[in-house]
N, C-alpha and C. Protein backbone atom coordinates (compact mmCIF):
# COMPACT_ATOMS: atom_id res chain seq x y z
N MET A 1 0.98 -1.41 -0.07
CA MET A 1 0.01 -0.05 0.38
C MET A 1 0.88 1.04 0.38
N SER A 2 0.75 2.71 -1.28
CA SER A 2 1.23 3.35 -1.39
C SER A 2 0.16 5.13 -0.56
N ILE A 3 0.95 5.65 -0.13
CA ILE A 3 0.11 7.20 -0.06
C ILE A 3 0.51 7.80 -0.94
N VAL A 4 -0.22 8.48 -1.03
CA VAL A 4 -0.04 9.38 -2.40
C VAL A 4 -1.52 10.62 -1.78
N HIS A 5 -0.48 11.71 -2.45
CA HIS A 5 -1.59 13.17 -2.08
C HIS A 5 -2.59 12.60 -3.27
N ALA A 6 -3.83 13.33 -2.56
CA ALA A 6 -4.87 13.47 -2.88
C ALA A 6 -4.95 14.69 -3.94
N ALA A 7 -4.09 15.26 -3.55
CA ALA A 7 -4.42 16.93 -4.15
C ALA A 7 -3.10 17.17 -5.24
N VAL A 8 -2.90 17.63 -6.07
CA VAL A 8 -1.82 18.03 -6.99
C VAL A 8 -1.75 20.17 -6.43
N THR A 9 -0.11 19.90 -6.01
CA THR A 9 -0.26 21.44 -6.02
C THR A 9 -0.18 22.17 -7.71
N PRO A 10 -0.68 23.00 -7.01
CA PRO A 10 -0.80 24.02 -8.74
C PRO A 10 0.38 24.79 -9.27
N HIS A 11 1.00 25.11 -7.96
CA HIS A 11 2.23 25.99 -8.26
C HIS A 11 2.86 25.39 -7.93
N GLU A 12 4.04 24.87 -8.81
CA GLU A 12 5.33 25.00 -8.15
C GLU A 12 6.68 25.42 -8.40
N VAL A 13 6.76 25.66 -6.81
CA VAL A 13 7.51 27.15 -6.84
C VAL A 13 9.15 26.55 -7.34
N VAL A 14 9.90 27.25 -8.63
CA VAL A 14 10.87 26.86 -8.97
C VAL A 14 11.95 27.90 -8.93
N GLU A 15 12.92 28.33 -8.10
CA GLU A 15 14.15 28.24 -7.51
C GLU A 15 15.07 28.72 -8.20
N ASP A 16 15.21 29.44 -9.81
CA ASP A 16 16.40 29.48 -11.23
C ASP A 16 17.53 30.45 -10.22
N GLY A 17 17.47 31.33 -10.04
CA GLY A 17 17.71 32.96 -9.61
C GLY A 17 17.20 33.22 -8.24
N PRO A 18 17.45 34.42 -7.59
CA PRO A 18 17.92 34.79 -6.39
C PRO A 18 16.47 34.32 -5.28
N ALA A 19 16.43 34.06 -4.39
CA ALA A 19 15.54 33.90 -3.72
C ALA A 19 14.41 34.84 -4.34
N VAL A 20 12.79 34.41 -4.07
CA VAL A 20 11.76 35.29 -4.34
C VAL A 20 11.18 35.63 -2.96
N ARG A 21 11.23 36.91 -2.44
CA ARG A 21 10.43 38.21 -1.18
C ARG A 21 8.99 37.81 -1.52
N ARG A 22 8.33 37.21 -0.57
CA ARG A 22 7.29 36.97 -0.43
C ARG A 22 6.66 38.15 0.21
N VAL A 23 4.70 38.83 -0.32
CA VAL A 23 4.33 39.53 0.13
C VAL A 23 4.69 40.27 1.86
N ARG A 24 4.04 39.20 2.57
CA ARG A 24 4.37 38.95 3.72
C ARG A 24 5.89 39.83 4.58
N HIS A 25 7.26 39.50 3.56
CA HIS A 25 8.19 39.93 3.99
C HIS A 25 8.45 41.21 4.08
N GLN A 26 7.96 42.20 2.48
CA GLN A 26 7.99 43.28 2.05
C GLN A 26 6.62 44.00 3.03
N ALA A 27 5.66 43.58 3.40
CA ALA A 27 4.41 44.37 4.37
C ALA A 27 5.09 44.43 5.58
N ARG A 28 6.20 43.28 6.19
CA ARG A 28 6.93 42.92 7.78
C ARG A 28 7.92 44.10 7.55
N ASP A 29 8.70 44.54 6.13
CA ASP A 29 9.29 45.78 5.44
C ASP A 29 8.86 47.04 5.81
N ALA A 30 8.24 46.93 4.87
CA ALA A 30 7.24 48.46 5.22
C ALA A 30 6.46 49.00 6.51
N ALA A 31 5.94 47.90 6.99
CA ALA A 31 6.45 48.52 8.49
C ALA A 31 7.49 48.79 8.97
N THR A 32 7.87 48.66 9.02
CA THR A 32 9.46 48.83 10.05
C THR A 32 9.85 49.95 9.59
N VAL A 33 10.09 50.46 8.09
CA VAL A 33 10.31 51.75 7.74
C VAL A 33 9.09 52.51 8.65
N MET A 34 7.93 52.39 8.44
CA MET A 34 7.24 53.74 8.60
C MET A 34 7.34 53.85 10.11
N ALA A 35 7.75 52.16 10.99
CA ALA A 35 7.55 52.79 12.33
C ALA A 35 8.93 53.09 12.78
N PHE A 36 10.35 53.98 11.99
CA PHE A 36 11.27 54.14 11.83
C PHE A 36 11.16 54.92 12.20
N SER A 37 10.41 55.53 10.42
CA SER A 37 9.77 56.53 10.30
C SER A 37 9.48 57.61 11.75
N ALA A 38 8.53 57.19 11.86
CA ALA A 38 7.20 57.86 12.90
C ALA A 38 8.31 58.02 13.76
N ALA A 39 9.03 57.01 14.86
CA ALA A 39 9.67 57.57 15.63
C ALA A 39 10.99 58.41 15.46
N THR A 40 11.70 58.39 14.57
CA THR A 40 12.42 59.98 13.77
C THR A 40 11.69 60.79 13.71
N SER A 41 10.28 61.38 13.31
CA SER A 41 9.84 62.26 13.58
C SER A 41 9.86 62.18 14.52
N VAL A 42 8.65 61.91 15.73
CA VAL A 42 8.63 62.18 16.91
C VAL A 42 10.41 62.39 18.02
N GLY A 43 11.19 61.84 17.51
CA GLY A 43 12.35 62.17 17.83
C GLY A 43 13.11 63.55 17.88
N VAL A 44 12.50 64.60 16.17
CA VAL A 44 13.08 65.42 15.93
C VAL A 44 11.91 66.40 16.28
N ALA A 45 10.52 66.41 16.14
CA ALA A 45 9.87 67.15 16.79
C ALA A 45 10.28 67.65 18.72
N ALA A 46 9.87 66.15 19.27
CA ALA A 46 10.95 66.75 20.80
C ALA A 46 11.52 67.40 20.70
N VAL A 47 12.80 67.11 19.93
CA VAL A 47 13.94 68.21 19.89
C VAL A 47 13.92 69.95 20.06
N PHE A 48 12.79 69.81 18.70
CA PHE A 48 12.36 71.16 18.48
C PHE A 48 11.54 71.93 19.82
N LEU A 49 10.98 71.05 20.38
CA LEU A 49 10.52 71.81 21.54
C LEU A 49 11.21 72.13 22.53
N LEU A 50 11.98 71.07 22.80
CA LEU A 50 13.16 71.79 23.37
C LEU A 50 13.65 72.81 23.24
N LEU A 51 13.60 72.71 22.27
CA LEU A 51 15.05 73.92 21.93
C LEU A 51 13.82 76.17 21.95
N ALA A 52 12.49 75.66 21.79
CA ALA A 52 11.59 75.76 21.83
C ALA A 52 10.96 76.65 23.29
N VAL A 53 11.82 75.85 24.22
CA VAL A 53 11.11 75.81 25.92
C VAL A 53 12.64 76.81 25.92
N VAL A 54 13.94 76.34 25.85
CA VAL A 54 15.03 76.96 26.49
C VAL A 54 15.20 78.58 25.54
N ALA A 55 14.77 78.43 24.07
CA ALA A 55 14.67 80.22 23.73
C ALA A 55 13.43 80.92 24.68
N ARG A 56 12.48 80.25 24.69
CA ARG A 56 11.56 80.77 25.28
C ARG A 56 11.90 81.61 26.92
N GLN A 57 12.91 80.68 27.68
CA GLN A 57 13.33 80.76 28.90
C GLN A 57 14.34 81.72 28.88
N ALA A 58 15.48 82.39 28.02
CA ALA A 58 16.62 83.03 27.71
C ALA A 58 15.94 84.09 27.39
């Protein structure tokens, strides 16, 4: 008795060249870039706010 797969996969992954990036990897990279951008913007805004407070007290 042999075990045979009931369903055949319609798309076989053939990697001849560099590895194919999946959509979830691209989404994760995009989310990382957005988080870094948001953190950087908040940091720059905080520096400007501190400069404004210091300039007002001087």
